[in-house]
Protein backbone atom coordinates (compact mmCIF):
# COMPACT_ATOMS: atom_id res chain seq x y z
CA MET A 1 -71.19 -154.45 -0.34
CA THR A 2 -67.92 -153.99 1.47
CA PRO A 3 -64.57 -153.38 -0.23
CA SER A 4 -63.56 -156.94 0.77
CA GLU A 5 -66.65 -158.38 -0.89
CA LEU A 6 -65.88 -156.37 -4.03
CA GLN A 7 -62.34 -157.71 -4.03
CA ARG A 8 -63.62 -161.29 -3.81
CA GLN A 9 -65.98 -160.63 -6.73
CA VAL A 10 -63.18 -159.17 -8.85
CA LYS A 11 -60.93 -162.15 -8.07
CA ALA A 12 -63.67 -164.68 -8.87
CA GLU A 13 -64.57 -162.98 -12.14
CA LEU A 14 -60.98 -162.68 -13.35
CA GLU A 15 -60.23 -166.28 -12.39
CA LYS A 16 -62.83 -167.35 -14.97
CA LEU A 17 -60.35 -166.27 -17.67
CA SER A 18 -58.28 -169.02 -19.22
CA VAL A 19 -54.96 -167.64 -17.91
CA PRO A 20 -53.17 -167.44 -14.55
CA VAL A 21 -54.45 -164.60 -12.34
CA THR A 22 -52.63 -163.15 -9.33
CA LYS A 23 -53.47 -160.37 -6.93
CA ASP A 24 -50.15 -158.57 -7.22
CA TYR A 25 -46.66 -158.93 -8.65
CA SER A 26 -45.29 -160.62 -5.53
CA GLU A 27 -47.22 -163.74 -6.64
CA PHE A 28 -46.32 -163.39 -10.33
CA GLU A 29 -45.02 -166.44 -12.16
CA ASP A 30 -43.30 -166.40 -15.56
CA ILE A 31 -46.28 -167.95 -17.31
CA TYR A 32 -47.65 -165.96 -20.23
CA PRO A 33 -50.12 -164.50 -20.73
CA HIS A 34 -50.82 -163.59 -17.12
CA VAL A 35 -53.28 -161.21 -15.46
CA VAL A 36 -52.25 -159.23 -12.37
CA TYR A 37 -54.85 -157.17 -10.51
CA ARG A 38 -54.98 -154.99 -7.42
CA GLU A 39 -57.03 -152.27 -5.85
CA ILE A 40 -55.08 -149.02 -6.10
CA SER A 41 -57.56 -146.64 -4.48
CA ASN A 42 -60.56 -146.81 -2.19
CA VAL A 43 -62.11 -143.55 -1.00
CA PRO A 44 -65.46 -142.48 0.43
CA ALA A 45 -67.84 -141.26 -2.27
CA LEU A 46 -70.84 -140.25 -0.15
CA ARG A 47 -71.38 -139.81 3.55
CA GLY A 48 -74.54 -139.39 5.58
CA ASP A 49 -75.51 -139.62 9.25
CA ASN A 50 -71.83 -139.71 10.23
CA ARG A 51 -71.03 -142.79 8.19
CA GLU A 52 -69.80 -143.73 4.74
CA ILE A 53 -72.65 -144.78 2.47
CA PHE A 54 -70.86 -145.19 -0.88
CA PHE A 55 -67.21 -145.79 -1.71
CA ARG A 56 -65.27 -145.37 -4.93
CA SER A 57 -62.73 -148.03 -5.79
CA VAL A 58 -60.13 -148.09 -8.56
CA TYR A 59 -58.66 -151.37 -9.76
CA GLN A 60 -55.64 -151.82 -11.98
CA VAL A 61 -55.59 -154.93 -14.14
CA THR A 62 -52.37 -155.64 -16.02
CA ILE A 63 -52.15 -158.14 -18.85
CA VAL A 64 -48.57 -159.41 -19.07
CA THR A 65 -47.45 -161.15 -22.26
CA ASP A 66 -44.15 -162.15 -23.81
CA ASP A 67 -45.36 -160.71 -27.13
CA ASP A 68 -47.78 -157.91 -27.91
CA GLU A 69 -50.77 -160.18 -28.59
CA TYR A 70 -53.26 -159.29 -25.87
CA GLU A 71 -56.33 -157.94 -27.70
CA SER A 72 -58.62 -160.93 -27.08
CA LEU A 73 -57.59 -161.15 -23.42
CA GLU A 74 -58.09 -157.40 -23.02
CA SER A 75 -61.63 -157.77 -24.36
CA ALA A 76 -62.32 -160.61 -21.91
CA VAL A 77 -60.94 -158.59 -18.96
CA GLU A 78 -63.04 -155.58 -19.95
CA GLU A 79 -66.16 -157.72 -20.27
CA SER A 80 -65.53 -159.23 -16.83
CA MET A 81 -64.99 -155.89 -15.11
CA LEU A 82 -67.86 -154.13 -16.89
CA GLY A 83 -70.11 -157.04 -15.90
CA LEU A 84 -69.34 -156.23 -12.25
CA GLY A 85 -70.37 -152.60 -12.78
CA PHE A 86 -66.94 -151.03 -13.31
CA LEU A 87 -66.14 -148.38 -15.91
CA ARG A 88 -62.81 -148.43 -17.74
CA THR A 89 -61.01 -145.15 -17.07
CA ASP A 90 -57.55 -145.65 -18.54
CA ALA A 91 -55.42 -147.99 -20.65
CA GLN A 92 -51.76 -147.87 -21.60
CA ASP A 93 -48.92 -150.04 -22.82
CA ILE A 94 -45.73 -150.45 -20.79
CA LEU A 95 -42.69 -152.33 -22.05
CA ASP A 96 -40.31 -153.52 -19.33
CA GLY A 97 -38.90 -156.70 -20.81
CA ASN A 98 -42.45 -158.01 -21.13
CA PHE A 99 -45.40 -156.44 -22.83
CA ASN A 100 -47.83 -155.01 -20.29
CA ARG A 101 -51.29 -153.70 -21.09
CA VAL A 102 -52.38 -151.71 -18.04
CA LEU A 103 -56.13 -151.13 -17.61
CA ARG A 104 -57.78 -149.13 -14.86
CA PHE A 105 -61.39 -149.50 -13.82
CA THR A 106 -63.49 -147.55 -11.32
CA ILE A 107 -66.71 -148.33 -9.50
CA THR A 108 -68.87 -146.51 -7.00
CA ALA A 109 -70.62 -148.97 -4.72
CA ARG A 110 -72.99 -148.80 -1.79
CA LYS A 111 -71.17 -149.83 1.36
CA TYR A 112 -74.18 -150.95 3.42
């Protein structure tokens, strides 16, 4: 799997949710709730024979709401990402006029 293939899988899985999904905040619309995702890190995890064999990727998925009711959507996001083989590594709330539940997930995948 390549990082691009992983990104397509993440997008397809998150788009199964019953809310708008965008890749980053530049595409964000004021429709709530809303899920914003993006890859925030992609590094080699294992090399051999002068090439990268595995890579480690970290995705941030943010649930944006106009209230603090996001528990059921958070569960659905987690289920989607865990189903792809990710592990949840972090979660936090951020209030910036909206309520944001920020989740981070990591995966180590074979590149070839």
